[in-house]
Amino acid sequence: MRVRADMPPGHVRTPGYLRGKIGWVERTLGPFPNPEQLAYGLNAQALPLMRVRFSMAEVWGDASETPTDTIDAEIYSHWLEPAEAPHAP
């Protein structure tokens, strides 16, 4: 999956350094209220929360000291889009 590269204004819970990066869904954690809506006191819809794993090479490119290490992030499904994802090691 690819994290959307959008940079919307306001309260956003998706790390900027992961936007546009490709990872794979390690697991689905379940539906949770959208924190981007909760931050503004809105009636938050429940969205699937995913644990997405990225290689350090994907996140940091040539600056990665350990390119085969990974980082996990919990990202709501509305921030993910299909992509040619790397396969889990």
PDB file of N, CA and C in Angstrom:
ATOM      1  N   MET A   1       0.849  -1.178   0.000  1.00  0.00           N
ATOM      2  CA  MET A   1       0.000   0.000   0.000  1.00  0.00           C
ATOM      3  C   MET A   1       0.896   1.244   0.000  1.00  0.00           C
ATOM      4  N   ARG A   2       0.376   2.271  -0.604  1.00  0.00           N
ATOM      5  CA  ARG A   2       1.087   3.558  -0.602  1.00  0.00           C
ATOM      6  C   ARG A   2       0.308   4.507   0.305  1.00  0.00           C
ATOM      7  N   VAL A   3       1.041   5.244   1.124  1.00  0.00           N
ATOM      8  CA  VAL A   3       0.429   6.278   1.947  1.00  0.00           C
ATOM      9  C   VAL A   3       0.191   7.479   1.031  1.00  0.00           C
ATOM     10  N   ARG A   4      -1.013   8.002   1.070  1.00  0.00           N
ATOM     11  CA  ARG A   4      -1.313   9.174   0.235  1.00  0.00           C
ATOM     12  C   ARG A   4      -0.300  10.283   0.514  1.00  0.00           C
ATOM     13  N   ALA A   5       0.060  10.998  -0.516  1.00  0.00           N
ATOM     14  CA  ALA A   5       1.055  12.062  -0.400  1.00  0.00           C
ATOM     15  C   ALA A   5       0.431  13.419  -0.100  1.00  0.00           C
ATOM     16  N   ASP A   6      -0.860  13.445   0.187  1.00  0.00           N
ATOM     17  CA  ASP A   6      -1.555  14.704   0.461  1.00  0.00           C
ATOM     18  C   ASP A   6      -0.959  15.435   1.664  1.00  0.00           C
ATOM     19  N   MET A   7      -1.063  16.740   1.642  1.00  0.00           N
ATOM     20  CA  MET A   7      -0.630  17.583   2.761  1.00  0.00           C
ATOM     21  C   MET A   7      -1.773  18.535   3.126  1.00  0.00           C
ATOM     22  N   PRO A   8      -2.891  17.984   3.627  1.00  0.00           N
ATOM     23  CA  PRO A   8      -4.028  18.847   3.950  1.00  0.00           C
ATOM     24  C   PRO A   8      -3.759  19.680   5.201  1.00  0.00           C
ATOM     25  N   PRO A   9      -4.423  20.812   5.303  1.00  0.00           N
ATOM     26  CA  PRO A   9      -4.287  21.615   6.525  1.00  0.00           C
ATOM     27  C   PRO A   9      -5.063  20.960   7.663  1.00  0.00           C
ATOM     28  N   GLY A  10      -4.759  21.348   8.855  1.00  0.00           N
ATOM     29  CA  GLY A  10      -5.532  20.879   9.998  1.00  0.00           C
ATOM     30  C   GLY A  10      -4.889  19.723  10.731  1.00  0.00           C
ATOM     31  N   HIS A  11      -5.704  19.088  11.540  1.00  0.00           N
ATOM     32  CA  HIS A  11      -5.258  17.991  12.403  1.00  0.00           C
ATOM     33  C   HIS A  11      -5.163  16.704  11.591  1.00  0.00           C
ATOM     34  N   VAL A  12      -3.964  16.253  11.326  1.00  0.00           N
ATOM     35  CA  VAL A  12      -3.736  15.049  10.534  1.00  0.00           C
ATOM     36  C   VAL A  12      -2.867  14.101  11.345  1.00  0.00           C
ATOM     37  N   ARG A  13      -3.261  12.828  11.395  1.00  0.00           N
ATOM     38  CA  ARG A  13      -2.581  11.851  12.241  1.00  0.00           C
ATOM     39  C   ARG A  13      -1.632  10.936  11.470  1.00  0.00           C
ATOM     40  N   THR A  14      -1.319  11.271  10.233  1.00  0.00           N
ATOM     41  CA  THR A  14      -0.425  10.457   9.422  1.00  0.00           C
ATOM     42  C   THR A  14       0.925  11.151   9.320  1.00  0.00           C
ATOM     43  N   PRO A  15       2.007  10.466   9.720  1.00  0.00           N
ATOM     44  CA  PRO A  15       3.330  11.108   9.706  1.00  0.00           C
ATOM     45  C   PRO A  15       3.723  11.620   8.322  1.00  0.00           C
ATOM     46  N   GLY A  16       4.189  12.832   8.276  1.00  0.00           N
ATOM     47  CA  GLY A  16       4.607  13.430   7.010  1.00  0.00           C
ATOM     48  C   GLY A  16       5.717  12.663   6.332  1.00  0.00           C
ATOM     49  N   TYR A  17       6.635  12.085   7.105  1.00  0.00           N
ATOM     50  CA  TYR A  17       7.768  11.383   6.505  1.00  0.00           C
ATOM     51  C   TYR A  17       7.362  10.059   5.851  1.00  0.00           C
ATOM     52  N   LEU A  18       6.122   9.597   6.089  1.00  0.00           N
ATOM     53  CA  LEU A  18       5.649   8.363   5.450  1.00  0.00           C
ATOM     54  C   LEU A  18       4.743   8.631   4.251  1.00  0.00           C
ATOM     55  N   ARG A  19       4.356   9.865   4.033  1.00  0.00           N
ATOM     56  CA  ARG A  19       3.458  10.173   2.918  1.00  0.00           C
ATOM     57  C   ARG A  19       4.173   9.931   1.590  1.00  0.00           C
ATOM     58  N   GLY A  20       3.488   9.191   0.718  1.00  0.00           N
ATOM     59  CA  GLY A  20       4.053   8.829  -0.573  1.00  0.00           C
ATOM     60  C   GLY A  20       4.900   7.565  -0.535  1.00  0.00           C
ATOM     61  N   LYS A  21       5.114   6.998   0.639  1.00  0.00           N
ATOM     62  CA  LYS A  21       5.952   5.803   0.783  1.00  0.00           C
ATOM     63  C   LYS A  21       5.110   4.541   0.642  1.00  0.00           C
ATOM     64  N   ILE A  22       5.760   3.469   0.208  1.00  0.00           N
ATOM     65  CA  ILE A  22       5.098   2.181   0.006  1.00  0.00           C
ATOM     66  C   ILE A  22       5.513   1.211   1.098  1.00  0.00           C
ATOM     67  N   GLY A  23       4.513   0.552   1.671  1.00  0.00           N
ATOM     68  CA  GLY A  23       4.760  -0.474   2.668  1.00  0.00           C
ATOM     69  C   GLY A  23       3.755  -1.589   2.497  1.00  0.00           C
ATOM     70  N   TRP A  24       3.728  -2.507   3.420  1.00  0.00           N
ATOM     71  CA  TRP A  24       2.760  -3.596   3.357  1.00  0.00           C
ATOM     72  C   TRP A  24       2.003  -3.657   4.667  1.00  0.00           C
ATOM     73  N   VAL A  25       0.749  -4.061   4.583  1.00  0.00           N
ATOM     74  CA  VAL A  25      -0.091  -4.148   5.775  1.00  0.00           C
ATOM     75  C   VAL A  25       0.357  -5.362   6.575  1.00  0.00           C
ATOM     76  N   GLU A  26       0.869  -5.106   7.748  1.00  0.00           N
ATOM     77  CA  GLU A  26       1.316  -6.173   8.633  1.00  0.00           C
ATOM     78  C   GLU A  26       0.111  -6.828   9.298  1.00  0.00           C
ATOM     79  N   ARG A  27      -0.886  -5.994   9.657  1.00  0.00           N
ATOM     80  CA  ARG A  27      -2.153  -6.504  10.187  1.00  0.00           C
ATOM     81  C   ARG A  27      -3.175  -5.371  10.267  1.00  0.00           C
ATOM     82  N   THR A  28      -4.433  -5.778  10.321  1.00  0.00           N
ATOM     83  CA  THR A  28      -5.534  -4.842  10.547  1.00  0.00           C
ATOM     84  C   THR A  28      -5.847  -4.866  12.035  1.00  0.00           C
ATOM     85  N   LEU A  29      -5.951  -3.705  12.637  1.00  0.00           N
ATOM     86  CA  LEU A  29      -6.151  -3.601  14.079  1.00  0.00           C
ATOM     87  C   LEU A  29      -7.611  -3.456  14.473  1.00  0.00           C
ATOM     88  N   GLY A  30      -8.464  -3.186  13.508  1.00  0.00           N
ATOM     89  CA  GLY A  30      -9.891  -3.035  13.793  1.00  0.00           C
ATOM     90  C   GLY A  30     -10.375  -1.645  13.472  1.00  0.00           C
ATOM     91  N   PRO A  31     -11.682  -1.429  13.602  1.00  0.00           N
ATOM     92  CA  PRO A  31     -12.239  -0.099  13.341  1.00  0.00           C
ATOM     93  C   PRO A  31     -12.143   0.792  14.584  1.00  0.00           C
ATOM     94  N   PHE A  32     -11.746   2.025  14.359  1.00  0.00           N
ATOM     95  CA  PHE A  32     -11.641   3.026  15.422  1.00  0.00           C
ATOM     96  C   PHE A  32     -12.160   4.355  14.884  1.00  0.00           C
ATOM     97  N   PRO A  33     -12.678   5.220  15.755  1.00  0.00           N
ATOM     98  CA  PRO A  33     -13.150   6.529  15.302  1.00  0.00           C
ATOM     99  C   PRO A  33     -12.010   7.334  14.663  1.00  0.00           C
ATOM    100  N   ASN A  34     -12.327   8.010  13.587  1.00  0.00           N
ATOM    101  CA  ASN A  34     -11.349   8.813  12.866  1.00  0.00           C
ATOM    102  C   ASN A  34     -10.890   9.990  13.739  1.00  0.00           C
ATOM    103  N   PRO A  35      -9.613  10.017  14.167  1.00  0.00           N
ATOM    104  CA  PRO A  35      -9.142  11.087  15.036  1.00  0.00           C
ATOM    105  C   PRO A  35      -9.112  12.450  14.356  1.00  0.00           C
ATOM    106  N   GLU A  36      -9.062  12.467  13.037  1.00  0.00           N
ATOM    107  CA  GLU A  36      -9.070  13.736  12.316  1.00  0.00           C
ATOM    108  C   GLU A  36     -10.422  14.421  12.457  1.00  0.00           C
ATOM    109  N   GLN A  37     -11.486  13.644  12.599  1.00  0.00           N
ATOM    110  CA  GLN A  37     -12.819  14.199  12.834  1.00  0.00           C
ATOM    111  C   GLN A  37     -13.022  14.491  14.327  1.00  0.00           C
ATOM    112  N   LEU A  38     -12.552  13.604  15.177  1.00  0.00           N
ATOM    113  CA  LEU A  38     -12.689  13.807  16.628  1.00  0.00           C
ATOM    114  C   LEU A  38     -12.021  15.105  17.079  1.00  0.00           C
ATOM    115  N   ALA A  39     -10.898  15.456  16.464  1.00  0.00           N
ATOM    116  CA  ALA A  39     -10.163  16.660  16.852  1.00  0.00           C
ATOM    117  C   ALA A  39     -10.992  17.920  16.706  1.00  0.00           C
ATOM    118  N   TYR A  40     -11.991  17.881  15.839  1.00  0.00           N
ATOM    119  CA  TYR A  40     -12.843  19.045  15.610  1.00  0.00           C
ATOM    120  C   TYR A  40     -14.235  18.875  16.200  1.00  0.00           C
ATOM    121  N   GLY A  41     -14.387  17.866  17.059  1.00  0.00           N
ATOM    122  CA  GLY A  41     -15.662  17.648  17.724  1.00  0.00           C
ATOM    123  C   GLY A  41     -16.745  17.108  16.809  1.00  0.00           C
ATOM    124  N   LEU A  42     -16.346  16.518  15.694  1.00  0.00           N
ATOM    125  CA  LEU A  42     -17.312  15.965  14.751  1.00  0.00           C
ATOM    126  C   LEU A  42     -17.698  14.545  15.144  1.00  0.00           C
ATOM    127  N   ASN A  43     -18.804  14.090  14.610  1.00  0.00           N
ATOM    128  CA  ASN A  43     -19.225  12.708  14.809  1.00  0.00           C
ATOM    129  C   ASN A  43     -18.315  11.837  13.945  1.00  0.00           C
ATOM    130  N   ALA A  44     -17.338  11.190  14.561  1.00  0.00           N
ATOM    131  CA  ALA A  44     -16.300  10.474  13.828  1.00  0.00           C
ATOM    132  C   ALA A  44     -16.779   9.108  13.362  1.00  0.00           C
ATOM    133  N   GLN A  45     -16.586   8.851  12.082  1.00  0.00           N
ATOM    134  CA  GLN A  45     -16.906   7.531  11.559  1.00  0.00           C
ATOM    135  C   GLN A  45     -15.787   6.564  11.939  1.00  0.00           C
ATOM    136  N   ALA A  46     -16.146   5.299  12.138  1.00  0.00           N
ATOM    137  CA  ALA A  46     -15.154   4.275  12.442  1.00  0.00           C
ATOM    138  C   ALA A  46     -14.485   3.840  11.139  1.00  0.00           C
ATOM    139  N   LEU A  47     -13.165   3.838  11.149  1.00  0.00           N
ATOM    140  CA  LEU A  47     -12.381   3.432   9.986  1.00  0.00           C
ATOM    141  C   LEU A  47     -11.413   2.331  10.392  1.00  0.00           C
ATOM    142  N   PRO A  48     -11.070   1.423   9.476  1.00  0.00           N
ATOM    143  CA  PRO A  48     -10.071   0.412   9.790  1.00  0.00           C
ATOM    144  C   PRO A  48      -8.709   1.065  10.046  1.00  0.00           C
ATOM    145  N   LEU A  49      -8.076   0.641  11.116  1.00  0.00           N
ATOM    146  CA  LEU A  49      -6.729   1.087  11.439  1.00  0.00           C
ATOM    147  C   LEU A  49      -5.782  -0.047  11.079  1.00  0.00           C
ATOM    148  N   MET A  50      -4.762   0.270  10.297  1.00  0.00           N
ATOM    149  CA  MET A  50      -3.826  -0.734   9.809  1.00  0.00           C
ATOM    150  C   MET A  50      -2.442  -0.506  10.395  1.00  0.00           C
ATOM    151  N   ARG A  51      -1.760  -1.598  10.701  1.00  0.00           N
ATOM    152  CA  ARG A  51      -0.336  -1.494  11.033  1.00  0.00           C
ATOM    153  C   ARG A  51       0.416  -1.753   9.736  1.00  0.00           C
ATOM    154  N   VAL A  52       1.119  -0.740   9.258  1.00  0.00           N
ATOM    155  CA  VAL A  52       1.816  -0.808   7.980  1.00  0.00           C
ATOM    156  C   VAL A  52       3.316  -0.828   8.253  1.00  0.00           C
ATOM    157  N   ARG A  53       4.007  -1.735   7.581  1.00  0.00           N
ATOM    158  CA  ARG A  53       5.449  -1.896   7.766  1.00  0.00           C
ATOM    159  C   ARG A  53       6.181  -1.359   6.535  1.00  0.00           C
ATOM    160  N   PHE A  54       7.218  -0.575   6.798  1.00  0.00           N
ATOM    161  CA  PHE A  54       8.032   0.038   5.749  1.00  0.00           C
ATOM    162  C   PHE A  54       9.489  -0.360   5.962  1.00  0.00           C
ATOM    163  N   SER A  55      10.206  -0.574   4.877  1.00  0.00           N
ATOM    164  CA  SER A  55      11.650  -0.777   5.014  1.00  0.00           C
ATOM    165  C   SER A  55      12.293   0.593   5.230  1.00  0.00           C
ATOM    166  N   MET A  56      13.394   0.591   5.934  1.00  0.00           N
ATOM    167  CA  MET A  56      14.105   1.855   6.146  1.00  0.00           C
ATOM    168  C   MET A  56      14.617   2.403   4.809  1.00  0.00           C
ATOM    169  N   ALA A  57      14.937   1.506   3.868  1.00  0.00           N
ATOM    170  CA  ALA A  57      15.367   1.956   2.544  1.00  0.00           C
ATOM    171  C   ALA A  57      14.251   2.733   1.858  1.00  0.00           C
ATOM    172  N   GLU A  58      13.000   2.283   2.016  1.00  0.00           N
ATOM    173  CA  GLU A  58      11.859   2.986   1.422  1.00  0.00           C
ATOM    174  C   GLU A  58      11.672   4.352   2.068  1.00  0.00           C
ATOM    175  N   VAL A  59      11.800   4.411   3.377  1.00  0.00           N
ATOM    176  CA  VAL A  59      11.539   5.657   4.101  1.00  0.00           C
ATOM    177  C   VAL A  59      12.676   6.664   3.934  1.00  0.00           C
ATOM    178  N   TRP A  60      13.918   6.223   4.066  1.00  0.00           N
ATOM    179  CA  TRP A  60      15.045   7.154   4.101  1.00  0.00           C
ATOM    180  C   TRP A  60      15.960   7.085   2.875  1.00  0.00           C
ATOM    181  N   GLY A  61      15.709   6.140   1.958  1.00  0.00           N
ATOM    182  CA  GLY A  61      16.523   6.053   0.743  1.00  0.00           C
ATOM    183  C   GLY A  61      17.990   5.795   1.041  1.00  0.00           C
ATOM    184  N   ASP A  62      18.859   6.473   0.316  1.00  0.00           N
ATOM    185  CA  ASP A  62      20.298   6.278   0.462  1.00  0.00           C
ATOM    186  C   ASP A  62      20.824   6.715   1.830  1.00  0.00           C
ATOM    187  N   ALA A  63      20.058   7.510   2.543  1.00  0.00           N
ATOM    188  CA  ALA A  63      20.489   7.967   3.870  1.00  0.00           C
ATOM    189  C   ALA A  63      20.275   6.907   4.954  1.00  0.00           C
ATOM    190  N   SER A  64      19.647   5.802   4.595  1.00  0.00           N
ATOM    191  CA  SER A  64      19.373   4.754   5.570  1.00  0.00           C
ATOM    192  C   SER A  64      20.658   4.036   5.964  1.00  0.00           C
ATOM    193  N   GLU A  65      20.921   3.988   7.273  1.00  0.00           N
ATOM    194  CA  GLU A  65      22.103   3.271   7.761  1.00  0.00           C
ATOM    195  C   GLU A  65      21.894   1.767   7.718  1.00  0.00           C
ATOM    196  N   THR A  66      20.660   1.330   7.927  1.00  0.00           N
ATOM    197  CA  THR A  66      20.322  -0.104   7.921  1.00  0.00           C
ATOM    198  C   THR A  66      19.096  -0.304   7.029  1.00  0.00           C
ATOM    199  N   PRO A  67      19.309  -0.382   5.726  1.00  0.00           N
ATOM    200  CA  PRO A  67      18.187  -0.392   4.776  1.00  0.00           C
ATOM    201  C   PRO A  67      17.212  -1.548   4.930  1.00  0.00           C
ATOM    202  N   THR A  68      17.641  -2.672   5.493  1.00  0.00           N
ATOM    203  CA  THR A  68      16.734  -3.810   5.620  1.00  0.00           C
ATOM    204  C   THR A  68      15.939  -3.797   6.921  1.00  0.00           C
ATOM    205  N   ASP A  69      16.257  -2.903   7.841  1.00  0.00           N
ATOM    206  CA  ASP A  69      15.435  -2.756   9.043  1.00  0.00           C
ATOM    207  C   ASP A  69      14.077  -2.206   8.640  1.00  0.00           C
ATOM    208  N   THR A  70      13.115  -2.328   9.524  1.00  0.00           N
ATOM    209  CA  THR A  70      11.765  -1.861   9.218  1.00  0.00           C
ATOM    210  C   THR A  70      11.252  -0.931  10.307  1.00  0.00           C
ATOM    211  N   ILE A  71      10.220  -0.193   9.938  1.00  0.00           N
ATOM    212  CA  ILE A  71       9.499   0.659  10.877  1.00  0.00           C
ATOM    213  C   ILE A  71       8.007   0.397  10.656  1.00  0.00           C
ATOM    214  N   ASP A  72       7.264   0.277  11.752  1.00  0.00           N
ATOM    215  CA  ASP A  72       5.820   0.080  11.682  1.00  0.00           C
ATOM    216  C   ASP A  72       5.115   1.364  12.079  1.00  0.00           C
ATOM    217  N   ALA A  73       4.003   1.640  11.412  1.00  0.00           N
ATOM    218  CA  ALA A  73       3.177   2.794  11.754  1.00  0.00           C
ATOM    219  C   ALA A  73       1.719   2.384  11.668  1.00  0.00           C
ATOM    220  N   GLU A  74       0.916   2.916  12.549  1.00  0.00           N
ATOM    221  CA  GLU A  74      -0.522   2.659  12.520  1.00  0.00           C
ATOM    222  C   GLU A  74      -1.186   3.782  11.738  1.00  0.00           C
ATOM    223  N   ILE A  75      -1.798   3.398  10.615  1.00  0.00           N
ATOM    224  CA  ILE A  75      -2.332   4.364   9.662  1.00  0.00           C
ATOM    225  C   ILE A  75      -3.768   3.984   9.330  1.00  0.00           C
ATOM    226  N   TYR A  76      -4.648   4.963   9.364  1.00  0.00           N
ATOM    227  CA  TYR A  76      -6.049   4.721   9.019  1.00  0.00           C
ATOM    228  C   TYR A  76      -6.196   4.453   7.530  1.00  0.00           C
ATOM    229  N   SER A  77      -7.153   3.588   7.201  1.00  0.00           N
ATOM    230  CA  SER A  77      -7.325   3.101   5.832  1.00  0.00           C
ATOM    231  C   SER A  77      -7.556   4.215   4.807  1.00  0.00           C
ATOM    232  N   HIS A  78      -8.177   5.319   5.216  1.00  0.00           N
ATOM    233  CA  HIS A  78      -8.441   6.376   4.231  1.00  0.00           C
ATOM    234  C   HIS A  78      -7.166   7.080   3.770  1.00  0.00           C
ATOM    235  N   TRP A  79      -6.053   6.810   4.435  1.00  0.00           N
ATOM    236  CA  TRP A  79      -4.760   7.361   4.026  1.00  0.00           C
ATOM    237  C   TRP A  79      -3.986   6.409   3.118  1.00  0.00           C
ATOM    238  N   LEU A  80      -4.520   5.224   2.854  1.00  0.00           N
ATOM    239  CA  LEU A  80      -3.803   4.225   2.065  1.00  0.00           C
ATOM    240  C   LEU A  80      -4.439   4.055   0.695  1.00  0.00           C
ATOM    241  N   GLU A  81      -3.583   3.802  -0.297  1.00  0.00           N
ATOM    242  CA  GLU A  81      -4.055   3.545  -1.646  1.00  0.00           C
ATOM    243  C   GLU A  81      -3.254   2.377  -2.218  1.00  0.00           C
ATOM    244  N   PRO A  82      -3.836   1.658  -3.182  1.00  0.00           N
ATOM    245  CA  PRO A  82      -3.117   0.518  -3.760  1.00  0.00           C
ATOM    246  C   PRO A  82      -1.815   0.956  -4.415  1.00  0.00           C
ATOM    247  N   ALA A  83      -0.833   0.089  -4.326  1.00  0.00           N
ATOM    248  CA  ALA A  83       0.475   0.333  -4.975  1.00  0.00           C
ATOM    249  C   ALA A  83       1.157  -1.000  -5.153  1.00  0.00           C
ATOM    250  N   GLU A  84       2.168  -1.010  -5.970  1.00  0.00           N
ATOM    251  CA  GLU A  84       3.012  -2.195  -6.071  1.00  0.00           C
ATOM    252  C   GLU A  84       3.859  -2.217  -4.812  1.00  0.00           C
ATOM    253  N   ALA A  85       3.363  -2.915  -3.819  1.00  0.00           N
ATOM    254  CA  ALA A  85       4.013  -2.934  -2.510  1.00  0.00           C
ATOM    255  C   ALA A  85       5.146  -3.938  -2.467  1.00  0.00           C
ATOM    256  N   PRO A  86       6.169  -3.633  -1.704  1.00  0.00           N
ATOM    257  CA  PRO A  86       7.222  -4.630  -1.487  1.00  0.00           C
ATOM    258  C   PRO A  86       6.647  -5.791  -0.692  1.00  0.00           C
ATOM    259  N   HIS A  87       7.221  -6.948  -0.858  1.00  0.00           N
ATOM    260  CA  HIS A  87       6.768  -8.120  -0.116  1.00  0.00           C
ATOM    261  C   HIS A  87       7.446  -8.173   1.239  1.00  0.00           C
ATOM    262  N   ALA A  88       6.711  -8.655   2.207  1.00  0.00           N
ATOM    263  CA  ALA A  88       7.280  -8.807   3.549  1.00  0.00           C
ATOM    264  C   ALA A  88       8.467  -9.758   3.483  1.00  0.00           C
ATOM    265  N   PRO A  89       9.527  -9.452   4.232  1.00  0.00           N
ATOM    266  CA  PRO A  89      10.700 -10.341   4.220  1.00  0.00           C
ATOM    267  C   PRO A  89      10.390 -11.678   4.834  1.00  0.00           C
TER     268      PRO A  89
END
